[in-house]
């Protein structure tokens, strides 16, 4: 039962991230061709998502201070 709960929690977390990237950032489709190019494109989208999260967290901390 514990393993099933962990798997369910992981799937929810991953779907949230992909949902934000797809719908909030309007990233619908991979444009590049070739495995290496696709990896680079997904890597760049992931970096952009993480930088946006860091920026928002810093702004929230500045508002509190």
Protein backbone atom coordinates (compact mmCIF):
# COMPACT_ATOMS: atom_id res chain seq x y z
CA UNK A 1 0.00 0.00 0.00
CA UNK A 2 2.83 2.39 0.85
CA UNK A 3 4.47 1.88 -2.57
CA UNK A 4 1.18 2.52 -4.35
CA UNK A 5 0.76 5.80 -2.48
CA UNK A 6 4.29 6.86 -3.42
CA UNK A 7 3.67 6.07 -7.12
CA UNK A 8 0.40 8.00 -7.05
CA UNK A 9 2.09 11.03 -5.49
CA UNK A 10 4.91 10.98 -8.08
CA UNK A 11 2.46 10.89 -10.96
CA UNK A 12 0.54 13.86 -9.57
CA UNK A 13 3.70 15.92 -9.16
CA UNK A 14 4.95 15.23 -12.68
CA UNK A 15 1.59 16.00 -14.27
CA UNK A 16 1.50 19.34 -12.51
CA UNK A 17 4.83 20.40 -13.99
CA UNK A 18 3.95 19.28 -17.51
CA UNK A 19 0.56 20.95 -17.23
CA UNK A 20 2.17 24.26 -16.29
CA UNK A 21 4.65 24.03 -19.15
CA UNK A 22 1.98 23.04 -21.69
CA UNK A 23 -0.89 25.32 -20.78
CA UNK A 24 0.47 28.24 -18.76
CA UNK A 25 3.64 28.66 -20.86
CA UNK A 26 1.88 27.67 -24.12
CA UNK A 27 4.54 25.08 -25.04
CA UNK A 28 2.57 22.57 -27.07
CA UNK A 29 4.99 20.80 -29.38
CA UNK A 30 8.65 19.92 -29.85
CA UNK A 31 9.93 21.73 -32.91
CA UNK A 32 13.33 20.09 -33.35
CA UNK A 33 14.15 16.82 -35.07
CA UNK A 34 16.70 14.29 -33.94
CA UNK A 35 17.22 12.87 -30.49
CA UNK A 36 20.01 15.27 -29.50
CA UNK A 37 18.07 18.34 -30.63
CA UNK A 38 14.95 17.19 -28.81
CA UNK A 39 16.95 16.68 -25.62
CA UNK A 40 18.42 20.16 -25.87
CA UNK A 41 15.00 21.71 -26.48
CA UNK A 42 13.42 19.94 -23.50
CA UNK A 43 16.46 20.85 -21.40
CA UNK A 44 16.07 24.54 -22.29
CA UNK A 45 12.34 24.51 -21.54
CA UNK A 46 13.07 22.87 -18.18
CA UNK A 47 15.72 25.45 -17.34
CA UNK A 48 13.28 28.24 -18.21
CA UNK A 49 10.62 26.69 -15.98
CA UNK A 50 13.03 26.35 -13.05
CA UNK A 51 14.36 29.90 -13.45
CA UNK A 52 10.80 31.22 -13.44
CA UNK A 53 10.10 29.33 -10.20
CA UNK A 54 13.28 30.69 -8.57
CA UNK A 55 12.46 34.25 -9.64
CA UNK A 56 8.92 34.03 -8.25
CA UNK A 57 10.19 32.60 -4.96
CA UNK A 58 12.70 35.45 -4.61
CA UNK A 59 10.00 38.03 -5.33
CA UNK A 60 7.71 36.49 -2.68
CA UNK A 61 10.54 36.58 -0.13
CA UNK A 62 11.24 40.26 -0.92
CA UNK A 63 7.60 41.17 -0.42
CA UNK A 64 7.59 39.56 3.02
CA UNK A 65 10.80 41.32 4.12
